Amino acid sequence: MATNILRGAVLAAALIIATEASGHLPAPLIPTALVEDVKSASADVEFMDYVGAGQVIKLGLGDVLVLSYLKSCEHETITGGTVIVGTDHSEVDGGKIARTKVACDSGKVELPSKQATETAATAFRLQSASHEPTIYARAAMIEIPRLRAGESRELVIERTDGPSEHFEIKIDEGLAGGGFYDLAKTNKLLTPGATYRASIGDHKVTFKVDASAKSGEAPIVSRLLRFQSS
């Protein structure tokens, strides 16, 4: 009898633990902002992570988190406190937040329904092939898609509307699974007002450089370039 009672108590405790654990599983998030910088041991996010509406990020005293929102183009520097990520801006409890509006291609992207439970950057795609994104600095931060076996690892950027400009960049194997390549780090500057085509493997995108772009320095969201899903 005592053994049965003990067994029942153990099973009940296990059920409570399992229920609580499942209750704490993160809900699928549709990414709304990009982590442009983070100085924190408790934030549980990293540079160039996407974060989604409803996500909670805890910062210690003096910790700093910089977020850029993909659609609203809000650029936030948050110091300390608990951050609740929104659809177009963050709410902060117990910390400080400074907001600025920056130039960015205001998120003409969608999340395919079949990928609605994914939070990976690869879930993004352009709404239509006719959309030509614009970057607002002369050096793009290019999101490298996940490449299939046998696809070329060479990123090619060529101007399509004027004098010949052609860059061929060998992508490190470490980025074959997806990642980001910053043209600013190799000082490859594009021409303000020009139109370019970028391609890697079977992925292509045509984009514009804003005529007022003066340098490669700008918030990453202002110069972020994503490929259309193939």
C-alpha atoms as a PDB file:
ATOM      1  CA  MET A   1       0.000   0.000   0.000  1.00  0.00           C
ATOM      2  CA  ALA A   2       2.746   2.385   1.048  1.00  0.00           C
ATOM      3  CA  THR A   3       4.664   1.475  -2.098  1.00  0.00           C
ATOM      4  CA  ASN A   4       1.657   2.310  -4.283  1.00  0.00           C
ATOM      5  CA  ILE A   5       1.174   5.645  -2.522  1.00  0.00           C
ATOM      6  CA  LEU A   6       4.862   6.496  -2.991  1.00  0.00           C
ATOM      7  CA  ARG A   7       4.731   5.502  -6.653  1.00  0.00           C
ATOM      8  CA  GLY A   8       1.644   7.658  -7.152  1.00  0.00           C
ATOM      9  CA  ALA A   9       3.329  10.626  -5.480  1.00  0.00           C
ATOM     10  CA  VAL A  10       6.397  10.253  -7.692  1.00  0.00           C
ATOM     11  CA  LEU A  11       4.272  10.098 -10.856  1.00  0.00           C
ATOM     12  CA  ALA A  12       2.265  13.132  -9.766  1.00  0.00           C
ATOM     13  CA  ALA A  13       5.452  15.101  -9.120  1.00  0.00           C
ATOM     14  CA  ALA A  14       6.839  14.081 -12.505  1.00  0.00           C
ATOM     15  CA  LEU A  15       3.634  15.202 -14.208  1.00  0.00           C
ATOM     16  CA  ILE A  16       3.801  18.607 -12.488  1.00  0.00           C
ATOM     17  CA  ILE A  17       7.433  19.052 -13.523  1.00  0.00           C
ATOM     18  CA  ALA A  18       6.679  18.034 -17.128  1.00  0.00           C
ATOM     19  CA  THR A  19       3.683  20.354 -17.272  1.00  0.00           C
ATOM     20  CA  GLU A  20       5.685  23.288 -15.925  1.00  0.00           C
ATOM     21  CA  ALA A  21       8.539  22.537 -18.330  1.00  0.00           C
ATOM     22  CA  SER A  22       6.202  22.428 -21.322  1.00  0.00           C
ATOM     23  CA  GLY A  23       4.577  25.627 -20.115  1.00  0.00           C
ATOM     24  CA  HIS A  24       7.936  27.326 -20.227  1.00  0.00           C
ATOM     25  CA  LEU A  25       8.749  26.278 -23.777  1.00  0.00           C
ATOM     26  CA  PRO A  26       9.144  29.417 -25.890  1.00  0.00           C
ATOM     27  CA  ALA A  27       6.232  30.118 -28.217  1.00  0.00           C
ATOM     28  CA  PRO A  28       7.114  30.341 -31.901  1.00  0.00           C
ATOM     29  CA  LEU A  29       8.161  33.913 -32.607  1.00  0.00           C
ATOM     30  CA  ILE A  30       7.986  35.843 -35.842  1.00  0.00           C
ATOM     31  CA  PRO A  31      11.203  37.910 -35.901  1.00  0.00           C
ATOM     32  CA  THR A  32      10.595  41.650 -35.712  1.00  0.00           C
ATOM     33  CA  ALA A  33      13.976  43.086 -34.701  1.00  0.00           C
ATOM     34  CA  LEU A  34      17.693  42.512 -35.101  1.00  0.00           C
ATOM     35  CA  VAL A  35      20.296  42.521 -32.329  1.00  0.00           C
ATOM     36  CA  GLU A  36      22.921  44.999 -33.533  1.00  0.00           C
ATOM     37  CA  ASP A  37      24.981  44.936 -30.333  1.00  0.00           C
ATOM     38  CA  VAL A  38      24.805  43.317 -26.917  1.00  0.00           C
ATOM     39  CA  LYS A  39      26.999  43.598 -23.840  1.00  0.00           C
ATOM     40  CA  SER A  40      25.418  41.297 -21.290  1.00  0.00           C
ATOM     41  CA  ALA A  41      25.967  37.931 -19.649  1.00  0.00           C
ATOM     42  CA  SER A  42      22.262  37.467 -18.909  1.00  0.00           C
ATOM     43  CA  ALA A  43      20.564  38.569 -22.139  1.00  0.00           C
ATOM     44  CA  ASP A  44      20.682  35.118 -23.810  1.00  0.00           C
ATOM     45  CA  VAL A  45      20.898  36.759 -27.250  1.00  0.00           C
ATOM     46  CA  GLU A  46      23.885  37.387 -29.483  1.00  0.00           C
ATOM     47  CA  PHE A  47      25.026  39.851 -32.132  1.00  0.00           C
ATOM     48  CA  MET A  48      22.914  39.526 -35.315  1.00  0.00           C
ATOM     49  CA  ASP A  49      20.247  37.359 -33.677  1.00  0.00           C
ATOM     50  CA  TYR A  50      16.653  37.965 -34.706  1.00  0.00           C
ATOM     51  CA  VAL A  51      14.189  38.483 -31.849  1.00  0.00           C
ATOM     52  CA  GLY A  52      10.396  38.395 -31.973  1.00  0.00           C
ATOM     53  CA  ALA A  53       7.356  40.091 -30.487  1.00  0.00           C
ATOM     54  CA  GLY A  54       6.708  38.899 -26.953  1.00  0.00           C
ATOM     55  CA  GLN A  55      10.279  37.783 -26.319  1.00  0.00           C
ATOM     56  CA  VAL A  56      11.630  38.822 -22.910  1.00  0.00           C
ATOM     57  CA  ILE A  57      15.297  39.776 -22.531  1.00  0.00           C
ATOM     58  CA  LYS A  58      16.748  40.383 -19.087  1.00  0.00           C
ATOM     59  CA  LEU A  59      19.653  42.797 -18.732  1.00  0.00           C
ATOM     60  CA  GLY A  60      21.840  43.296 -15.692  1.00  0.00           C
ATOM     61  CA  LEU A  61      22.704  46.672 -14.236  1.00  0.00           C
ATOM     62  CA  GLY A  62      24.794  48.536 -16.814  1.00  0.00           C
ATOM     63  CA  ASP A  63      24.211  45.927 -19.550  1.00  0.00           C
ATOM     64  CA  VAL A  64      23.567  47.347 -23.025  1.00  0.00           C
ATOM     65  CA  LEU A  65      21.391  45.985 -25.827  1.00  0.00           C
ATOM     66  CA  VAL A  66      20.960  47.610 -29.242  1.00  0.00           C
ATOM     67  CA  LEU A  67      17.926  46.566 -31.303  1.00  0.00           C
ATOM     68  CA  SER A  68      16.768  47.657 -34.746  1.00  0.00           C
ATOM     69  CA  TYR A  69      13.190  46.989 -35.815  1.00  0.00           C
ATOM     70  CA  LEU A  70      12.787  45.699 -39.355  1.00  0.00           C
ATOM     71  CA  LYS A  71       9.496  47.399 -40.231  1.00  0.00           C
ATOM     72  CA  SER A  72       9.345  50.527 -38.073  1.00  0.00           C
ATOM     73  CA  CYS A  73      13.092  51.285 -38.505  1.00  0.00           C
ATOM     74  CA  GLU A  74      13.303  52.125 -34.785  1.00  0.00           C
ATOM     75  CA  HIS A  75      16.881  51.922 -33.516  1.00  0.00           C
ATOM     76  CA  GLU A  76      16.996  51.381 -29.753  1.00  0.00           C
ATOM     77  CA  THR A  77      19.833  51.493 -27.251  1.00  0.00           C
ATOM     78  CA  ILE A  78      18.654  49.894 -24.012  1.00  0.00           C
ATOM     79  CA  THR A  79      20.593  49.991 -20.737  1.00  0.00           C
ATOM     80  CA  GLY A  80      19.606  47.582 -17.959  1.00  0.00           C
ATOM     81  CA  GLY A  81      16.172  46.290 -17.023  1.00  0.00           C
ATOM     82  CA  THR A  82      13.755  43.782 -18.518  1.00  0.00           C
ATOM     83  CA  VAL A  83      13.055  44.204 -22.229  1.00  0.00           C
ATOM     84  CA  ILE A  84       9.835  43.054 -23.874  1.00  0.00           C
ATOM     85  CA  VAL A  85      10.239  42.924 -27.647  1.00  0.00           C
ATOM     86  CA  GLY A  86       7.288  44.299 -29.620  1.00  0.00           C
ATOM     87  CA  THR A  87       6.279  44.473 -33.266  1.00  0.00           C
ATOM     88  CA  ASP A  88       7.676  47.965 -33.847  1.00  0.00           C
ATOM     89  CA  HIS A  89       9.357  48.997 -30.562  1.00  0.00           C
ATOM     90  CA  SER A  90      10.384  47.608 -27.167  1.00  0.00           C
ATOM     91  CA  GLU A  91       8.993  48.140 -23.686  1.00  0.00           C
ATOM     92  CA  VAL A  92      11.526  48.344 -20.862  1.00  0.00           C
ATOM     93  CA  ASP A  93      10.966  47.871 -17.133  1.00  0.00           C
ATOM     94  CA  GLY A  94      13.668  49.034 -14.744  1.00  0.00           C
ATOM     95  CA  GLY A  95      16.040  50.298 -17.417  1.00  0.00           C
ATOM     96  CA  LYS A  96      16.619  53.148 -19.835  1.00  0.00           C
ATOM     97  CA  ILE A  97      15.911  53.289 -23.544  1.00  0.00           C
ATOM     98  CA  ALA A  98      16.990  55.769 -26.219  1.00  0.00           C
ATOM     99  CA  ARG A  99      15.222  55.596 -29.577  1.00  0.00           C
ATOM    100  CA  THR A 100      16.065  57.037 -32.966  1.00  0.00           C
ATOM    101  CA  LYS A 101      14.412  56.519 -36.336  1.00  0.00           C
ATOM    102  CA  VAL A 102      16.875  55.410 -38.999  1.00  0.00           C
ATOM    103  CA  ALA A 103      16.590  54.929 -42.743  1.00  0.00           C
ATOM    104  CA  CYS A 104      15.840  51.346 -43.675  1.00  0.00           C
ATOM    105  CA  ASP A 105      13.967  49.321 -46.267  1.00  0.00           C
ATOM    106  CA  SER A 106      10.909  48.959 -44.087  1.00  0.00           C
ATOM    107  CA  GLY A 107      10.504  45.248 -44.112  1.00  0.00           C
ATOM    108  CA  LYS A 108       8.785  44.244 -47.341  1.00  0.00           C
ATOM    109  CA  VAL A 109       9.180  40.655 -46.215  1.00  0.00           C
ATOM    110  CA  GLU A 110       6.838  37.928 -45.153  1.00  0.00           C
ATOM    111  CA  LEU A 111       7.062  34.713 -43.204  1.00  0.00           C
ATOM    112  CA  PRO A 112       5.803  31.781 -45.283  1.00  0.00           C
ATOM    113  CA  SER A 113       3.009  29.895 -43.510  1.00  0.00           C
ATOM    114  CA  LYS A 114       4.903  26.614 -43.687  1.00  0.00           C
ATOM    115  CA  GLN A 115       7.730  28.286 -41.775  1.00  0.00           C
ATOM    116  CA  ALA A 116       5.541  30.074 -39.247  1.00  0.00           C
ATOM    117  CA  THR A 117       7.073  28.131 -36.375  1.00  0.00           C
ATOM    118  CA  GLU A 118      10.647  28.951 -37.325  1.00  0.00           C
ATOM    119  CA  THR A 119      12.593  31.830 -35.846  1.00  0.00           C
ATOM    120  CA  ALA A 120      15.670  31.390 -38.003  1.00  0.00           C
ATOM    121  CA  ALA A 121      16.750  34.163 -40.305  1.00  0.00           C
ATOM    122  CA  THR A 122      16.146  31.831 -43.240  1.00  0.00           C
ATOM    123  CA  ALA A 123      12.403  32.189 -42.613  1.00  0.00           C
ATOM    124  CA  PHE A 124      12.411  35.626 -44.253  1.00  0.00           C
ATOM    125  CA  ARG A 125      11.707  36.169 -47.911  1.00  0.00           C
ATOM    126  CA  LEU A 126      10.786  39.092 -50.115  1.00  0.00           C
ATOM    127  CA  GLN A 127       7.090  39.448 -50.849  1.00  0.00           C
ATOM    128  CA  SER A 128       7.650  39.510 -54.589  1.00  0.00           C
ATOM    129  CA  ALA A 129      10.453  39.249 -57.062  1.00  0.00           C
ATOM    130  CA  SER A 130       9.596  42.754 -58.318  1.00  0.00           C
ATOM    131  CA  HIS A 131      10.584  44.368 -55.008  1.00  0.00           C
ATOM    132  CA  GLU A 132      14.066  45.867 -55.152  1.00  0.00           C
ATOM    133  CA  PRO A 133      15.297  46.537 -51.636  1.00  0.00           C
ATOM    134  CA  THR A 134      17.268  49.709 -50.914  1.00  0.00           C
ATOM    135  CA  ILE A 135      20.273  49.994 -48.638  1.00  0.00           C
ATOM    136  CA  TYR A 136      21.202  53.329 -47.073  1.00  0.00           C
ATOM    137  CA  ALA A 137      24.966  52.928 -46.800  1.00  0.00           C
ATOM    138  CA  ARG A 138      27.649  52.064 -49.332  1.00  0.00           C
ATOM    139  CA  ALA A 139      28.579  48.754 -47.677  1.00  0.00           C
ATOM    140  CA  ALA A 140      25.845  46.124 -47.424  1.00  0.00           C
ATOM    141  CA  MET A 141      25.518  43.626 -44.602  1.00  0.00           C
ATOM    142  CA  ILE A 142      24.486  40.589 -46.636  1.00  0.00           C
ATOM    143  CA  GLU A 143      22.546  37.748 -45.083  1.00  0.00           C
ATOM    144  CA  ILE A 144      23.940  34.548 -46.586  1.00  0.00           C
ATOM    145  CA  PRO A 145      21.203  31.922 -47.020  1.00  0.00           C
ATOM    146  CA  ARG A 146      21.669  28.281 -46.177  1.00  0.00           C
ATOM    147  CA  LEU A 147      23.471  26.786 -49.170  1.00  0.00           C
ATOM    148  CA  ARG A 148      22.745  23.326 -50.489  1.00  0.00           C
ATOM    149  CA  ALA A 149      25.452  20.792 -51.219  1.00  0.00           C
ATOM    150  CA  GLY A 150      27.032  21.558 -54.568  1.00  0.00           C
ATOM    151  CA  GLU A 151      25.939  25.218 -54.659  1.00  0.00           C
ATOM    152  CA  SER A 152      28.604  27.802 -55.381  1.00  0.00           C
ATOM    153  CA  ARG A 153      30.181  29.478 -52.336  1.00  0.00           C
ATOM    154  CA  GLU A 154      31.081  32.550 -54.400  1.00  0.00           C
ATOM    155  CA  LEU A 155      29.166  35.760 -53.725  1.00  0.00           C
ATOM    156  CA  VAL A 156      28.981  37.892 -56.878  1.00  0.00           C
ATOM    157  CA  ILE A 157      27.903  41.551 -56.864  1.00  0.00           C
ATOM    158  CA  GLU A 158      27.665  43.410 -60.158  1.00  0.00           C
ATOM    159  CA  ARG A 159      26.281  46.773 -61.168  1.00  0.00           C
ATOM    160  CA  THR A 160      23.392  46.617 -63.635  1.00  0.00           C
ATOM    161  CA  ASP A 161      22.706  50.262 -64.508  1.00  0.00           C
ATOM    162  CA  GLY A 162      25.960  51.897 -65.439  1.00  0.00           C
ATOM    163  CA  PRO A 163      29.748  51.615 -65.479  1.00  0.00           C
ATOM    164  CA  SER A 164      31.044  48.121 -64.819  1.00  0.00           C
ATOM    165  CA  GLU A 165      31.497  47.204 -61.161  1.00  0.00           C
ATOM    166  CA  HIS A 166      32.051  43.575 -60.307  1.00  0.00           C
ATOM    167  CA  PHE A 167      32.980  41.900 -57.019  1.00  0.00           C
ATOM    168  CA  GLU A 168      33.611  38.198 -56.522  1.00  0.00           C
ATOM    169  CA  ILE A 169      33.899  37.112 -52.897  1.00  0.00           C
ATOM    170  CA  LYS A 170      34.691  33.579 -51.774  1.00  0.00           C
ATOM    171  CA  ILE A 171      32.449  32.780 -48.822  1.00  0.00           C
ATOM    172  CA  ASP A 172      33.994  30.828 -45.971  1.00  0.00           C
ATOM    173  CA  GLU A 173      32.626  27.314 -45.515  1.00  0.00           C
ATOM    174  CA  GLY A 174      31.558  28.389 -42.041  1.00  0.00           C
ATOM    175  CA  LEU A 175      28.827  30.530 -43.625  1.00  0.00           C
ATOM    176  CA  ALA A 176      27.477  27.734 -45.831  1.00  0.00           C
ATOM    177  CA  GLY A 177      24.821  27.038 -43.208  1.00  0.00           C
ATOM    178  CA  GLY A 178      23.740  30.680 -43.181  1.00  0.00           C
ATOM    179  CA  GLY A 179      25.141  33.833 -41.627  1.00  0.00           C
ATOM    180  CA  PHE A 180      26.142  37.395 -42.448  1.00  0.00           C
ATOM    181  CA  TYR A 181      28.878  38.905 -44.601  1.00  0.00           C
ATOM    182  CA  ASP A 182      29.815  42.558 -44.054  1.00  0.00           C
ATOM    183  CA  LEU A 183      31.211  44.387 -47.084  1.00  0.00           C
ATOM    184  CA  ALA A 184      32.445  47.143 -44.757  1.00  0.00           C
ATOM    185  CA  LYS A 185      35.057  44.792 -43.302  1.00  0.00           C
ATOM    186  CA  THR A 186      36.661  44.365 -46.714  1.00  0.00           C
ATOM    187  CA  ASN A 187      36.180  48.021 -47.673  1.00  0.00           C
ATOM    188  CA  LYS A 188      34.091  47.120 -50.716  1.00  0.00           C
ATOM    189  CA  LEU A 189      32.036  50.286 -51.150  1.00  0.00           C
ATOM    190  CA  LEU A 190      29.176  50.557 -53.630  1.00  0.00           C
ATOM    191  CA  THR A 191      28.158  53.619 -55.644  1.00  0.00           C
ATOM    192  CA  PRO A 192      25.364  55.864 -54.281  1.00  0.00           C
ATOM    193  CA  GLY A 193      22.283  55.798 -56.515  1.00  0.00           C
ATOM    194  CA  ALA A 194      23.390  52.661 -58.384  1.00  0.00           C
ATOM    195  CA  THR A 195      21.529  49.383 -58.875  1.00  0.00           C
ATOM    196  CA  TYR A 196      23.217  46.020 -58.332  1.00  0.00           C
ATOM    197  CA  ARG A 197      22.516  42.323 -58.576  1.00  0.00           C
ATOM    198  CA  ALA A 198      23.903  40.001 -55.894  1.00  0.00           C
ATOM    199  CA  SER A 199      23.983  36.246 -56.325  1.00  0.00           C
ATOM    200  CA  ILE A 200      25.280  33.205 -54.518  1.00  0.00           C
ATOM    201  CA  GLY A 201      24.439  29.654 -55.505  1.00  0.00           C
ATOM    202  CA  ASP A 202      20.866  29.712 -56.828  1.00  0.00           C
ATOM    203  CA  HIS A 203      19.981  32.812 -54.805  1.00  0.00           C
ATOM    204  CA  LYS A 204      19.703  36.237 -56.435  1.00  0.00           C
ATOM    205  CA  VAL A 205      18.477  39.697 -55.486  1.00  0.00           C
ATOM    206  CA  THR A 206      18.540  43.057 -57.253  1.00  0.00           C
ATOM    207  CA  PHE A 207      18.939  46.044 -54.947  1.00  0.00           C
ATOM    208  CA  LYS A 208      19.570  49.775 -54.945  1.00  0.00           C
ATOM    209  CA  VAL A 209      21.961  51.979 -53.026  1.00  0.00           C
ATOM    210  CA  ASP A 210      20.269  55.155 -51.836  1.00  0.00           C
ATOM    211  CA  ALA A 211      21.581  58.240 -53.610  1.00  0.00           C
ATOM    212  CA  SER A 212      22.333  59.922 -50.284  1.00  0.00           C
ATOM    213  CA  ALA A 213      24.518  57.069 -48.981  1.00  0.00           C
ATOM    214  CA  LYS A 214      27.875  58.550 -48.025  1.00  0.00           C
ATOM    215  CA  SER A 215      29.859  55.769 -46.358  1.00  0.00           C
ATOM    216  CA  GLY A 216      29.705  52.191 -45.174  1.00  0.00           C
ATOM    217  CA  GLU A 217      28.966  53.307 -41.623  1.00  0.00           C
ATOM    218  CA  ALA A 218      25.296  53.056 -40.677  1.00  0.00           C
ATOM    219  CA  PRO A 219      23.089  50.943 -38.392  1.00  0.00           C
ATOM    220  CA  ILE A 220      23.030  47.419 -39.768  1.00  0.00           C
ATOM    221  CA  VAL A 221      19.285  47.536 -40.404  1.00  0.00           C
ATOM    222  CA  SER A 222      19.950  50.460 -42.778  1.00  0.00           C
ATOM    223  CA  ARG A 223      22.210  48.321 -44.949  1.00  0.00           C
ATOM    224  CA  LEU A 224      20.833  44.822 -44.416  1.00  0.00           C
ATOM    225  CA  LEU A 225      20.334  42.827 -47.613  1.00  0.00           C
ATOM    226  CA  ARG A 226      18.429  39.520 -47.716  1.00  0.00           C
ATOM    227  CA  PHE A 227      17.992  37.153 -50.625  1.00  0.00           C
ATOM    228  CA  GLN A 228      14.612  36.098 -51.920  1.00  0.00           C
ATOM    229  CA  SER A 229      13.828  32.501 -51.035  1.00  0.00           C
ATOM    230  CA  SER A 230      14.381  30.187 -53.951  1.00  0.00           C
END
